[in-house]
Amino acid sequence: MFKFEFALYISLILSIIGVLFQLRRFKKEGQFFKAGKNKPRGVTAFSIHGFILNTFFQTKLFKAGKIRWGGHFVLFLGFLYLVFVHALHGVTFSVLPGYDPTLDPYQFLRNLSGVLVIAGCVGFLIRRRFNPEIFQNSPIKKKGVFSIILILLLVCSGFLLEASKIISEDVFMEMVEEYSDLGEEAELFDLKLYWQSEFYLVFDEPLSFPPKEARASELENSNLENAKFKNGKRLNEEYCISCHSNIRSAFLSSALAKGLGTTPGKILNHYRIDKTFYIIHYLLCLLMLICLPFSRLFHLLLIPVASAMQPLTRDQLPKNGSFINGSFINWSSLYGCTNCGFCSRVCSVYPNFQITKNQKMLPHSKIESVKAMINNTSQPPSQSDWWQLKEGNAECTLCHNCTDICPSNIDLQSVWILLDKQLVTMGYIENSSFLDRFSLKEWAKTEDNAFGYVSKSEITSNLADRVEAFENCIQCTICTNVCPIVDYDSNENDLTPHQVMNLLRLGKKHLATGTRMVWTCLNCYSCQEHCPQEICVADILMELRNHGSASADMIKQSQKPTPIRPNR
């Protein structure tokens, strides 16, 4: 026992050290996104209401998905019961009067809780195996699998341990010696007979009556057997029932014990397999304790922290790149993400993902990219990954849907804003800002060079490459006169819609993709609706923007990003 206690103390120390290490790392990571005057400071409102409801009743998960909440909640209750009532039984003894793990309802509830946990774990693995398309070809599918398998092994070993103790003759004799004063061999025989019949106990030597010919008749033989069984039942009620409920209430463990049968049971009893299962079960508990701070299990502690913080509302979101009210982003809450995917399913730009297949456009994937960015500040794994992250994050409309639905209560909207600022600081800027660095002539030359990286045919558009789509333009300027961008931004705009059409007529498509008009177009379709020649002006401008964006992507990914200081 001393060795087990020593191992427990070592595991507790390692677990505490791990938690302190993680807290120190979270504090260090929180400094990664500081940006001069815009560094988040202060603390957002502490919500006791949110902490209680989301931690214990998982209200945000309930709003996200009722079925998922039901499965997750029963798993949570089962795991909570096993931890506080079963694993911490020493505390339970002093809190619950009359508590004994072998008494009902605790014996039944232990089996029920274990079954709920197993069902939840199996459901998790099935869901990850047959996940929706947003998880396909993604390492996110493997997130949390280790923790789930560890929980499965722990609970299954517990059931096997209980089943092996049910059939064990040695365990039975230890209980008889400790809790009874049976002195007569006949009474002990009767109690054994009862337990063998009712509780699936397996004895090394089978219990049998004297040969039938030694009896007067079959009737006497039957009466004698019934009398011994009744006497065994009386002895069980006298010595055992006060601290040991009917083993059948442990429905899964007793079913396993019954399924083993006599011959396998004898073999297992011979090698004291119950002690082996006890060691395995105990070591798995210690392993889970050690892995707690370094595995997905840590979200059990991080989600309550995130639930206690009140995320910014849409009206409180930073204006012009500056955080109002000095909001604080708790970066440790990012590790409370369970990769449930609800945020991506409600994301406003999910239709864009279905076209581009850029995983880093989806919130649940961006969280993993943010953590990877923090952990690889000097040498990112791939520049193309960061460009994809920039392009994906640039699509964000700040609709707040991901924050509103997140079951872990992570303030995702504020994370995306800071992420965008950090990417700009690192030199990963959006295409419109990238094109502002070039004059029209420089851009036309640069884009021509871009075709050395990819075939020109891969990024050509339809309308902008068909002469008949714009050759009828008579330069009447009606499209320019109705354009709200020209009216609002005439001093800053370089060319107008009719001038862009003229560039296409002159065969200057590459030059046209770099005009400010192409990148500031609102797609209001006023130009296209009023064009007397029925030219698809707005559609052509959009295709030019897509063409220029594809070219900019190739150029940026072929160059090393230059860190810049963002405008404040």
Protein backbone atom coordinates (compact mmCIF):
# COMPACT_ATOMS: atom_id res chain seq x y z
CA MET A 1 0.00 0.00 0.00
CA PHE A 2 2.91 2.34 0.75
CA LYS A 3 4.15 2.00 -2.82
CA PHE A 4 0.71 2.91 -4.19
CA GLU A 5 0.47 5.95 -1.93
CA PHE A 6 3.99 7.01 -2.92
CA ALA A 7 3.07 6.73 -6.61
CA LEU A 8 -0.08 8.78 -5.95
CA TYR A 9 1.89 11.58 -4.27
CA ILE A 10 4.41 11.63 -7.13
CA SER A 11 1.59 11.82 -9.68
CA LEU A 12 -0.09 14.66 -7.79
CA ILE A 13 3.18 16.59 -7.67
CA LEU A 14 3.77 16.07 -11.40
CA SER A 15 0.20 17.13 -12.16
CA ILE A 16 0.52 20.32 -10.09
CA ILE A 17 3.86 21.11 -11.72
CA GLY A 18 2.21 20.58 -15.11
CA VAL A 19 -0.64 22.96 -14.26
CA LEU A 20 1.82 25.64 -13.08
CA PHE A 21 3.87 25.15 -16.25
CA GLN A 22 0.78 25.57 -18.42
CA LEU A 23 -0.29 28.70 -16.55
CA ARG A 24 3.16 30.19 -17.04
CA ARG A 25 3.02 29.31 -20.74
CA PHE A 26 -0.42 30.87 -21.10
CA LYS A 27 0.84 34.07 -19.51
CA LYS A 28 3.79 34.15 -21.90
CA GLU A 29 1.58 33.44 -24.91
CA GLY A 30 -0.71 36.28 -23.88
CA GLN A 31 2.17 38.67 -24.57
CA PHE A 32 2.54 37.49 -28.15
CA PHE A 33 -0.25 39.64 -29.55
CA LYS A 34 0.66 42.88 -27.80
CA ALA A 35 0.79 45.74 -30.24
CA GLY A 36 1.98 48.97 -28.68
CA LYS A 37 -0.89 51.19 -27.61
CA ASN A 38 -3.39 48.55 -28.66
CA LYS A 39 -2.16 45.97 -26.19
CA PRO A 40 -5.24 44.55 -24.42
CA ARG A 41 -5.30 45.53 -20.79
CA GLY A 42 -7.68 45.28 -17.92
CA VAL A 43 -10.23 42.54 -17.39
CA THR A 44 -13.64 42.03 -18.91
CA ALA A 45 -16.64 41.53 -16.70
CA PHE A 46 -16.53 38.46 -14.49
CA SER A 47 -19.74 36.50 -14.90
CA ILE A 48 -20.66 34.24 -11.99
CA HIS A 49 -23.94 33.52 -13.75
CA GLY A 50 -22.14 32.34 -16.88
CA PHE A 51 -19.58 30.39 -14.83
CA ILE A 52 -22.23 28.37 -12.99
CA LEU A 53 -24.60 27.78 -15.89
CA ASN A 54 -22.04 26.95 -18.56
CA THR A 55 -19.73 24.92 -16.31
CA PHE A 56 -22.31 22.71 -14.65
CA PHE A 57 -25.27 22.84 -17.03
CA GLN A 58 -23.45 23.59 -20.32
CA THR A 59 -26.09 26.08 -21.40
CA LYS A 60 -24.17 27.28 -24.46
CA LEU A 61 -23.82 23.73 -25.74
CA PHE A 62 -27.56 23.30 -25.20
CA LYS A 63 -28.21 26.31 -27.45
CA ALA A 64 -25.78 24.99 -30.06
CA GLY A 65 -27.18 21.46 -30.32
CA LYS A 66 -29.74 19.73 -28.14
CA ILE A 67 -28.74 16.16 -29.09
CA ARG A 68 -25.02 16.81 -28.65
CA TRP A 69 -25.78 18.47 -25.31
CA GLY A 70 -27.76 15.44 -24.12
CA GLY A 71 -24.95 13.01 -24.91
CA HIS A 72 -22.27 15.29 -23.52
CA PHE A 73 -24.21 16.11 -20.37
CA VAL A 74 -24.84 12.49 -19.35
CA LEU A 75 -21.16 11.75 -20.02
CA PHE A 76 -20.23 14.74 -17.86
CA LEU A 77 -22.51 13.59 -15.05
CA GLY A 78 -21.15 10.04 -15.23
CA PHE A 79 -17.54 11.19 -15.16
CA LEU A 80 -18.30 13.63 -12.34
CA TYR A 81 -19.87 10.85 -10.27
CA LEU A 82 -16.96 8.48 -10.82
CA VAL A 83 -14.46 11.16 -9.78
CA PHE A 84 -16.15 12.57 -6.69
CA VAL A 85 -18.02 9.54 -5.39
CA HIS A 86 -15.90 6.61 -6.55
CA ALA A 87 -12.30 7.83 -7.01
CA LEU A 88 -12.48 10.10 -3.95
CA HIS A 89 -14.34 7.53 -1.86
CA GLY A 90 -12.24 8.44 1.18
CA VAL A 91 -13.85 11.88 1.18
CA THR A 92 -17.25 10.42 0.33
CA PHE A 93 -17.18 8.22 3.43
CA SER A 94 -17.04 11.32 5.63
CA VAL A 95 -19.62 13.30 3.64
CA LEU A 96 -22.34 10.76 2.87
CA PRO A 97 -23.66 8.90 5.94
CA GLY A 98 -23.96 5.18 5.37
CA TYR A 99 -21.89 5.31 2.20
CA ASP A 100 -20.25 2.08 1.07
CA PRO A 101 -19.21 1.36 -2.54
CA THR A 102 -20.79 -2.09 -2.35
CA LEU A 103 -24.19 -0.77 -1.26
CA ASP A 104 -27.01 0.48 -3.41
CA PRO A 105 -27.69 2.97 -4.83
CA TYR A 106 -23.94 3.62 -5.08
CA GLN A 107 -23.15 0.23 -6.58
CA PHE A 108 -25.82 0.66 -9.24
CA LEU A 109 -24.92 4.31 -9.91
CA ARG A 110 -21.26 3.39 -10.36
CA ASN A 111 -22.14 0.94 -13.11
CA LEU A 112 -24.62 3.36 -14.66
CA SER A 113 -22.07 6.17 -14.66
CA GLY A 114 -19.45 3.92 -16.21
CA VAL A 115 -21.84 2.88 -18.97
CA LEU A 116 -22.68 6.53 -19.69
CA VAL A 117 -18.99 7.43 -19.92
CA ILE A 118 -18.27 4.51 -22.24
CA ALA A 119 -21.24 5.42 -24.44
CA GLY A 120 -20.06 9.03 -24.60
CA CYS A 121 -16.49 8.04 -25.47
CA VAL A 122 -17.60 5.63 -28.18
CA GLY A 123 -19.90 8.30 -29.57
CA PHE A 124 -16.98 10.74 -29.67
CA LEU A 125 -14.79 8.30 -31.58
CA ILE A 126 -17.59 7.48 -34.04
CA ARG A 127 -18.29 11.17 -34.58
CA ARG A 128 -14.62 11.88 -35.24
CA ARG A 129 -14.41 8.94 -37.62
CA PHE A 130 -17.46 10.01 -39.62
CA ASN A 131 -17.17 13.74 -39.18
CA PRO A 132 -18.75 16.36 -41.44
CA GLU A 133 -16.76 17.73 -44.33
CA ILE A 134 -15.25 20.58 -42.31
CA PHE A 135 -12.96 18.10 -40.56
CA GLN A 136 -11.92 16.09 -43.61
CA ASN A 137 -8.19 15.81 -44.35
CA SER A 138 -7.46 17.68 -41.16
CA PRO A 139 -5.30 16.72 -38.16
CA ILE A 140 -8.04 18.20 -36.01
CA LYS A 141 -9.84 14.85 -36.31
CA LYS A 142 -7.16 13.35 -34.06
CA LYS A 143 -7.46 16.01 -31.38
CA GLY A 144 -8.59 14.58 -28.06
CA VAL A 145 -8.49 10.95 -29.21
CA PHE A 146 -5.71 10.07 -26.74
CA SER A 147 -7.71 11.46 -23.81
CA ILE A 148 -10.85 9.61 -24.86
CA ILE A 149 -9.01 6.31 -25.25
CA LEU A 150 -7.39 6.81 -21.84
CA ILE A 151 -10.81 7.36 -20.25
CA LEU A 152 -12.18 4.30 -22.05
CA LEU A 153 -9.32 2.11 -20.80
CA LEU A 154 -9.75 3.43 -17.27
CA VAL A 155 -13.49 2.76 -17.09
CA CYS A 156 -13.26 -0.62 -18.84
CA SER A 157 -10.48 -1.74 -16.48
CA GLY A 158 -12.73 -0.73 -13.59
CA PHE A 159 -15.53 -2.97 -14.85
CA LEU A 160 -13.09 -5.85 -15.38
CA LEU A 161 -11.72 -5.33 -11.89
CA GLU A 162 -15.18 -5.47 -10.35
CA ALA A 163 -16.12 -8.55 -12.40
CA SER A 164 -12.92 -10.37 -11.38
CA LYS A 165 -13.61 -9.61 -7.72
CA ILE A 166 -17.17 -10.97 -8.07
CA ILE A 167 -15.93 -14.40 -9.19
CA SER A 168 -12.88 -14.51 -6.88
CA GLU A 169 -12.92 -17.15 -4.15
CA ASP A 170 -10.02 -15.44 -2.39
CA VAL A 171 -11.87 -12.12 -2.20
CA PHE A 172 -14.92 -13.97 -0.83
CA MET A 173 -12.88 -15.68 1.88
CA GLU A 174 -11.23 -12.40 2.85
CA MET A 175 -14.69 -10.87 3.38
CA VAL A 176 -15.85 -13.90 5.38
CA GLU A 177 -12.85 -13.70 7.70
CA GLU A 178 -13.18 -9.93 8.18
CA TYR A 179 -16.94 -9.48 8.51
CA SER A 180 -18.27 -12.75 9.93
CA ASP A 181 -17.61 -15.23 12.72
CA LEU A 182 -18.63 -18.39 10.86
CA GLY A 183 -16.94 -21.22 12.63
CA GLU A 184 -18.80 -24.25 11.39
CA GLU A 185 -17.81 -25.72 8.04
CA ALA A 186 -21.44 -26.54 7.26
CA GLU A 187 -22.53 -22.90 7.58
CA LEU A 188 -19.63 -21.73 5.43
CA PHE A 189 -20.62 -24.34 2.84
CA ASP A 190 -24.20 -23.07 2.82
CA LEU A 191 -23.07 -19.45 2.34
CA LYS A 192 -20.73 -20.49 -0.49
CA LEU A 193 -23.56 -22.41 -2.13
CA TYR A 194 -25.79 -19.35 -2.02
CA TRP A 195 -23.12 -17.01 -3.44
CA GLN A 196 -22.21 -19.49 -6.16
CA SER A 197 -25.83 -19.67 -7.24
CA GLU A 198 -26.83 -16.01 -6.87
CA PHE A 199 -23.61 -14.00 -7.22
CA TYR A 200 -21.67 -16.02 -9.84
CA LEU A 201 -18.86 -16.89 -7.44
CA VAL A 202 -16.41 -19.44 -8.88
CA PHE A 203 -14.70 -21.94 -6.54
CA ASP A 204 -11.60 -23.92 -7.28
CA GLU A 205 -13.31 -27.04 -5.93
CA PRO A 206 -16.94 -27.38 -7.11
CA LEU A 207 -19.56 -27.54 -4.38
CA SER A 208 -21.39 -30.91 -4.40
CA PHE A 209 -23.63 -33.03 -2.17
CA PRO A 210 -22.91 -36.60 -1.11
CA PRO A 211 -23.75 -39.23 -3.75
CA LYS A 212 -27.42 -39.82 -4.34
CA GLU A 213 -27.26 -43.45 -3.21
CA ALA A 214 -26.32 -42.24 0.25
CA ARG A 215 -29.69 -40.55 0.48
CA ALA A 216 -33.06 -42.17 1.02
CA SER A 217 -34.75 -40.63 -2.00
CA GLU A 218 -34.65 -37.89 -4.62
CA LEU A 219 -37.18 -35.95 -2.59
CA GLU A 220 -34.91 -35.94 0.45
CA ASN A 221 -32.01 -34.86 -1.77
CA SER A 222 -34.04 -31.93 -3.12
CA ASN A 223 -35.26 -30.94 0.33
CA LEU A 224 -31.70 -31.00 1.68
CA GLU A 225 -30.46 -28.79 -1.15
CA ASN A 226 -33.30 -26.31 -0.62
CA ALA A 227 -32.62 -26.24 3.09
CA LYS A 228 -28.94 -25.46 2.56
CA PHE A 229 -29.78 -22.75 0.04
CA LYS A 230 -32.23 -21.12 2.45
CA ASN A 231 -29.71 -21.33 5.25
CA GLY A 232 -27.11 -19.69 2.96
CA LYS A 233 -29.57 -16.92 2.20
CA ARG A 234 -30.17 -16.42 5.93
CA LEU A 235 -26.44 -16.23 6.60
CA ASN A 236 -26.05 -13.71 3.76
CA GLU A 237 -28.75 -11.52 5.31
CA GLU A 238 -27.15 -11.86 8.71
CA TYR A 239 -23.53 -11.15 7.79
CA CYS A 240 -23.36 -9.68 4.28
CA ILE A 241 -26.43 -7.69 3.31
CA SER A 242 -25.64 -4.81 5.66
CA CYS A 243 -22.53 -3.90 3.66
CA HIS A 244 -23.04 -5.70 0.35
CA SER A 245 -26.10 -5.25 -1.87
CA ASN A 246 -27.18 -7.84 -4.39
CA ILE A 247 -24.37 -7.97 -6.89
CA ARG A 248 -26.85 -7.98 -9.77
CA SER A 249 -27.48 -4.28 -9.25
CA ALA A 250 -23.97 -3.83 -10.65
CA PHE A 251 -25.56 -4.87 -13.92
CA LEU A 252 -22.58 -4.64 -16.25
CA SER A 253 -19.97 -6.05 -13.87
CA SER A 254 -22.22 -8.95 -12.86
CA ALA A 255 -23.01 -9.66 -16.52
CA LEU A 256 -19.28 -9.84 -17.26
CA ALA A 257 -18.78 -12.16 -14.27
CA LYS A 258 -21.63 -14.41 -15.38
CA GLY A 259 -20.30 -14.48 -18.93
CA LEU A 260 -16.88 -15.70 -17.85
CA GLY A 261 -18.24 -19.09 -16.76
CA THR A 262 -16.71 -21.69 -14.45
CA THR A 263 -13.61 -22.88 -16.33
CA PRO A 264 -12.23 -19.45 -17.33
CA GLY A 265 -13.14 -18.19 -13.87
CA LYS A 266 -11.01 -20.88 -12.22
CA ILE A 267 -8.02 -19.93 -14.37
CA LEU A 268 -8.43 -16.23 -13.61
CA ASN A 269 -8.82 -16.93 -9.89
CA HIS A 270 -5.70 -19.08 -9.93
CA TYR A 271 -3.60 -16.19 -11.19
CA ARG A 272 -5.38 -13.63 -8.98
CA ILE A 273 -6.37 -11.60 -12.01
CA ASP A 274 -8.27 -9.24 -9.71
CA LYS A 275 -4.96 -7.96 -8.32
CA THR A 276 -3.62 -7.50 -11.84
CA PHE A 277 -6.69 -5.50 -12.86
CA TYR A 278 -6.37 -3.43 -9.69
CA ILE A 279 -2.80 -2.47 -10.55
CA ILE A 280 -3.78 -1.64 -14.14
CA HIS A 281 -6.77 0.41 -13.02
CA TYR A 282 -4.71 2.27 -10.43
CA LEU A 283 -1.88 3.02 -12.85
CA LEU A 284 -4.34 4.32 -15.44
CA CYS A 285 -5.75 6.67 -12.80
CA LEU A 286 -2.25 7.96 -12.08
CA LEU A 287 -1.52 8.31 -15.80
CA MET A 288 -4.68 10.37 -16.27
CA LEU A 289 -3.68 12.57 -13.35
CA ILE A 290 -0.23 13.18 -14.84
CA CYS A 291 -1.60 13.81 -18.35
CA LEU A 292 -4.32 16.18 -17.14
CA PRO A 293 -2.39 19.44 -17.79
CA PHE A 294 -0.93 18.26 -21.11
CA SER A 295 -3.93 16.66 -22.82
CA ARG A 296 -7.41 17.59 -23.93
CA LEU A 297 -8.54 16.74 -20.40
CA PHE A 298 -7.27 20.17 -19.36
CA HIS A 299 -10.34 21.74 -20.93
CA LEU A 300 -12.23 20.50 -17.86
CA LEU A 301 -10.44 23.29 -15.99
CA LEU A 302 -10.14 25.82 -18.81
CA ILE A 303 -13.81 25.91 -19.84
CA PRO A 304 -14.90 27.15 -16.38
CA VAL A 305 -12.29 29.91 -16.68
CA ALA A 306 -13.56 30.93 -20.11
CA SER A 307 -17.16 30.68 -18.93
CA ALA A 308 -16.43 33.16 -16.15
CA MET A 309 -15.25 35.79 -18.66
CA GLN A 310 -17.83 37.87 -20.50
CA PRO A 311 -17.01 38.06 -24.25
CA LEU A 312 -17.29 41.40 -26.03
CA THR A 313 -20.60 42.02 -27.75
CA ARG A 314 -20.81 43.18 -31.35
CA ASP A 315 -21.23 46.79 -30.20
CA GLN A 316 -18.12 46.49 -28.02
CA LEU A 317 -15.87 45.14 -30.75
CA PRO A 318 -12.73 47.22 -31.41
CA LYS A 319 -13.28 50.26 -33.57
CA ASN A 320 -10.60 51.21 -36.10
CA GLY A 321 -8.28 48.53 -34.80
CA SER A 322 -8.29 49.76 -31.20
CA PHE A 323 -9.77 47.85 -28.28
CA ILE A 324 -12.28 49.91 -26.41
CA ASN A 325 -12.68 49.59 -22.64
CA GLY A 326 -9.27 47.88 -22.49
CA SER A 327 -10.64 44.39 -22.97
CA PHE A 328 -8.56 41.39 -21.96
CA ILE A 329 -8.19 38.24 -24.04
CA ASN A 330 -7.68 35.15 -21.91
CA TRP A 331 -5.44 33.12 -24.17
CA SER A 332 -5.67 30.05 -21.96
CA SER A 333 -9.31 29.77 -23.06
CA LEU A 334 -8.12 28.87 -26.58
CA TYR A 335 -6.98 25.54 -25.15
CA GLY A 336 -10.50 24.99 -23.87
CA CYS A 337 -11.60 24.53 -27.49
CA THR A 338 -13.02 21.04 -28.00
CA ASN A 339 -13.05 21.27 -31.82
CA CYS A 340 -16.79 20.65 -31.82
CA GLY A 341 -17.12 22.54 -35.12
CA PHE A 342 -20.27 24.47 -34.19
CA CYS A 343 -18.49 27.78 -34.85
CA SER A 344 -17.61 26.74 -38.39
CA ARG A 345 -21.12 25.52 -39.16
CA VAL A 346 -22.59 28.95 -38.38
CA CYS A 347 -19.69 30.93 -39.89
CA SER A 348 -20.87 33.53 -42.38
CA VAL A 349 -18.10 32.64 -44.80
CA TYR A 350 -18.63 28.89 -44.71
CA PRO A 351 -19.99 29.04 -48.31
CA ASN A 352 -16.64 30.60 -49.30
CA PHE A 353 -14.85 27.62 -47.76
CA GLN A 354 -16.94 25.24 -49.84
CA ILE A 355 -15.49 26.92 -52.93
CA THR A 356 -11.90 27.68 -51.89
CA LYS A 357 -11.41 24.66 -49.55
CA ASN A 358 -9.13 26.84 -47.43
CA GLN A 359 -9.40 25.17 -43.98
CA LYS A 360 -7.89 28.23 -42.33
CA MET A 361 -11.03 30.16 -43.18
CA LEU A 362 -13.02 28.23 -40.57
CA PRO A 363 -12.97 29.36 -36.90
CA HIS A 364 -12.21 25.96 -35.36
CA SER A 365 -9.23 25.60 -37.71
CA LYS A 366 -8.01 29.16 -37.13
CA ILE A 367 -7.79 28.44 -33.40
CA GLU A 368 -5.27 25.70 -34.09
CA SER A 369 -3.37 28.02 -36.45
CA VAL A 370 -3.23 30.73 -33.77
CA LYS A 371 -1.73 28.27 -31.30
CA ALA A 372 0.74 27.10 -33.95
CA MET A 373 1.70 30.71 -34.67
CA ILE A 374 2.35 31.39 -31.00
CA ASN A 375 4.52 28.30 -30.68
CA ASN A 376 6.49 28.99 -33.88
CA THR A 377 7.17 32.71 -33.74
CA SER A 378 10.67 32.60 -35.24
CA GLN A 379 10.35 29.83 -37.82
CA PRO A 380 6.79 29.17 -38.98
CA PRO A 381 6.32 25.68 -40.45
CA SER A 382 5.34 27.04 -43.85
CA GLN A 383 4.92 30.53 -45.24
CA SER A 384 2.11 29.33 -47.45
CA ASP A 385 0.26 28.25 -44.29
CA TRP A 386 0.42 31.77 -42.91
CA TRP A 387 -0.68 33.25 -46.24
CA GLN A 388 -3.66 30.90 -46.23
CA LEU A 389 -4.39 31.94 -42.64
CA LYS A 390 -4.24 35.60 -43.64
CA GLU A 391 -6.54 35.05 -46.59
CA GLY A 392 -8.92 32.98 -44.47
CA ASN A 393 -9.00 35.48 -41.60
CA ALA A 394 -9.46 38.38 -44.04
CA GLU A 395 -12.77 36.77 -45.08
CA CYS A 396 -14.15 37.19 -41.53
CA THR A 397 -17.18 39.49 -41.46
CA LEU A 398 -17.11 39.97 -37.66
CA CYS A 399 -20.67 38.65 -37.55
CA HIS A 400 -20.06 37.35 -34.00
CA ASN A 401 -21.80 34.04 -34.79
CA CYS A 402 -18.78 31.95 -33.73
CA THR A 403 -18.49 33.68 -30.34
CA ASP A 404 -22.23 33.49 -29.74
CA ILE A 405 -22.40 29.74 -30.32
CA CYS A 406 -19.05 28.60 -28.85
CA PRO A 407 -19.87 26.05 -26.10
CA SER A 408 -16.55 26.88 -24.39
CA ASN A 409 -17.45 30.61 -24.30
CA ILE A 410 -14.23 31.65 -26.08
CA ASP A 411 -14.14 35.29 -27.20
CA LEU A 412 -13.30 34.31 -30.77
CA GLN A 413 -14.24 37.62 -32.37
CA SER A 414 -11.58 39.52 -30.44
CA VAL A 415 -9.04 36.83 -31.30
CA TRP A 416 -9.64 37.27 -35.03
CA ILE A 417 -9.14 41.03 -34.75
CA LEU A 418 -5.85 40.68 -32.91
CA LEU A 419 -4.80 37.88 -35.26
CA ASP A 420 -5.29 40.15 -38.26
CA LYS A 421 -3.20 42.89 -36.66
CA GLN A 422 -0.44 40.41 -35.77
CA LEU A 423 -0.32 39.00 -39.32
CA VAL A 424 0.01 42.52 -40.72
CA THR A 425 2.85 43.19 -38.25
CA MET A 426 4.58 40.03 -39.47
CA GLY A 427 4.28 41.20 -43.09
CA TYR A 428 1.28 39.09 -44.10
CA ILE A 429 -1.06 41.79 -45.42
CA GLU A 430 -4.27 41.62 -47.42
CA ASN A 431 -4.10 41.81 -51.20
CA SER A 432 -5.62 45.30 -51.49
CA SER A 433 -2.92 46.76 -49.20
CA PHE A 434 -0.29 44.72 -51.01
CA LEU A 435 -1.30 46.19 -54.38
CA ASP A 436 -1.18 49.72 -52.94
CA ARG A 437 2.61 49.34 -52.83
CA PHE A 438 2.76 49.32 -56.63
CA SER A 439 2.06 51.90 -59.28
CA LEU A 440 -0.06 50.64 -62.15
CA LYS A 441 2.97 50.13 -64.36
CA GLU A 442 4.92 48.37 -61.59
CA TRP A 443 1.97 46.11 -60.90
CA ALA A 444 1.52 45.19 -64.57
CA LYS A 445 5.19 44.21 -64.74
CA THR A 446 5.10 42.35 -61.44
CA GLU A 447 1.99 40.41 -62.41
CA ASP A 448 3.58 39.40 -65.70
CA ASN A 449 6.44 37.90 -63.69
CA ALA A 450 3.94 36.07 -61.49
CA PHE A 451 3.05 33.78 -64.36
CA GLY A 452 6.46 32.17 -63.93
CA TYR A 453 5.06 30.42 -60.86
CA VAL A 454 1.83 29.10 -62.35
CA SER A 455 0.25 28.66 -65.72
CA LYS A 456 -1.63 31.78 -66.85
CA SER A 457 -4.59 29.66 -67.84
CA GLU A 458 -5.14 28.67 -64.21
CA ILE A 459 -6.22 32.16 -63.16
CA THR A 460 -7.78 33.60 -66.29
CA SER A 461 -11.37 34.74 -65.98
CA ASN A 462 -14.24 34.56 -68.42
CA LEU A 463 -15.74 37.97 -69.19
CA ALA A 464 -12.52 39.97 -68.83
CA ASP A 465 -10.83 37.76 -71.44
CA ARG A 466 -13.67 37.84 -73.96
CA VAL A 467 -13.49 40.87 -76.23
CA GLU A 468 -17.18 40.71 -77.06
CA ALA A 469 -17.97 41.24 -73.36
CA PHE A 470 -16.70 44.84 -73.33
CA GLU A 471 -15.93 45.90 -76.93
CA ASN A 472 -19.30 47.67 -77.25
CA CYS A 473 -18.38 50.15 -74.53
CA ILE A 474 -18.86 53.66 -76.01
CA GLN A 475 -17.27 55.47 -73.05
CA CYS A 476 -20.52 57.27 -72.27
CA THR A 477 -19.47 57.53 -68.56
CA ILE A 478 -22.95 56.57 -67.31
CA CYS A 479 -21.39 53.78 -65.23
CA THR A 480 -19.03 56.35 -63.69
CA ASN A 481 -21.80 58.84 -63.01
CA VAL A 482 -23.88 56.30 -61.01
CA CYS A 483 -20.93 54.77 -59.14
CA PRO A 484 -21.08 55.54 -55.38
CA ILE A 485 -17.32 54.96 -55.04
CA VAL A 486 -16.52 57.63 -57.61
CA ASP A 487 -18.91 60.01 -55.90
CA TYR A 488 -17.54 59.34 -52.40
CA ASP A 489 -13.86 58.82 -53.13
CA SER A 490 -13.18 60.78 -56.32
CA ASN A 491 -9.98 62.34 -55.01
CA GLU A 492 -8.39 59.02 -53.96
CA ASN A 493 -9.62 56.81 -56.79
CA ASP A 494 -7.24 56.44 -59.71
CA LEU A 495 -9.53 55.24 -62.51
CA THR A 496 -13.27 55.10 -63.00
CA PRO A 497 -15.37 52.15 -64.25
CA HIS A 498 -15.51 53.36 -67.84
CA GLN A 499 -11.74 53.88 -67.81
CA VAL A 500 -11.23 50.30 -66.56
CA MET A 501 -13.37 49.08 -69.46
CA ASN A 502 -11.19 51.11 -71.79
CA LEU A 503 -8.04 49.44 -70.41
CA LEU A 504 -9.56 46.08 -71.31
CA ARG A 505 -10.34 47.33 -74.83
CA LEU A 506 -6.66 48.31 -75.11
CA GLY A 507 -5.56 44.81 -73.97
CA LYS A 508 -4.27 46.09 -70.60
CA LYS A 509 -5.93 43.51 -68.38
CA HIS A 510 -2.91 43.17 -66.09
CA LEU A 511 -2.91 46.93 -65.59
CA ALA A 512 -6.64 46.91 -64.89
CA THR A 513 -6.31 44.39 -62.04
CA GLY A 514 -4.14 46.84 -60.12
CA THR A 515 -6.48 49.82 -60.26
CA ARG A 516 -8.00 51.08 -57.04
CA MET A 517 -11.46 50.99 -58.61
CA VAL A 518 -11.32 47.20 -58.91
CA TRP A 519 -10.52 46.81 -55.22
CA THR A 520 -12.96 49.39 -53.83
CA CYS A 521 -15.98 48.31 -55.90
CA LEU A 522 -19.01 47.69 -53.66
CA ASN A 523 -20.69 45.30 -56.11
CA CYS A 524 -23.85 47.40 -55.94
CA TYR A 525 -24.42 46.70 -59.65
CA SER A 526 -25.52 50.28 -60.34
CA CYS A 527 -23.07 50.50 -63.26
CA GLN A 528 -24.26 47.25 -64.78
CA GLU A 529 -27.94 48.06 -64.37
CA HIS A 530 -27.60 51.49 -66.03
CA CYS A 531 -25.22 50.53 -68.86
CA PRO A 532 -27.03 51.28 -72.18
CA GLN A 533 -24.84 48.67 -73.92
CA GLU A 534 -25.76 46.02 -71.32
CA ILE A 535 -22.11 45.39 -70.47
CA CYS A 536 -21.58 43.33 -67.31
CA VAL A 537 -19.40 46.01 -65.71
CA ALA A 538 -19.75 44.85 -62.07
CA ASP A 539 -19.14 41.20 -62.98
CA ILE A 540 -16.01 42.18 -64.92
CA LEU A 541 -14.70 44.24 -61.99
CA MET A 542 -15.24 41.28 -59.66
CA GLU A 543 -13.40 38.94 -62.03
CA LEU A 544 -10.53 41.41 -62.27
CA ARG A 545 -10.33 41.50 -58.47
CA ASN A 546 -10.24 37.71 -58.28
CA HIS A 547 -7.58 37.64 -60.99
CA GLY A 548 -5.47 40.23 -59.18
CA SER A 549 -5.95 38.44 -55.85
CA ALA A 550 -4.72 35.16 -57.33
CA SER A 551 -1.70 36.93 -58.77
CA ALA A 552 -1.01 38.69 -55.47
CA ASP A 553 -1.20 35.37 -53.62
CA MET A 554 1.42 33.86 -55.90
CA ILE A 555 3.70 36.88 -55.66
CA LYS A 556 3.46 37.11 -51.86
CA GLN A 557 4.04 33.41 -51.33
CA SER A 558 7.13 33.54 -53.53
CA GLN A 559 8.60 36.34 -51.43
CA LYS A 560 9.65 36.46 -47.80
CA PRO A 561 7.19 38.66 -45.91
CA THR A 562 8.59 41.95 -44.67
CA PRO A 563 7.53 42.79 -41.11
CA ILE A 564 5.83 46.17 -41.04
CA ARG A 565 4.48 48.41 -38.36
CA PRO A 566 0.72 48.62 -38.75
CA ASN A 567 -1.03 51.96 -38.88
CA ARG A 568 -2.57 52.90 -35.58
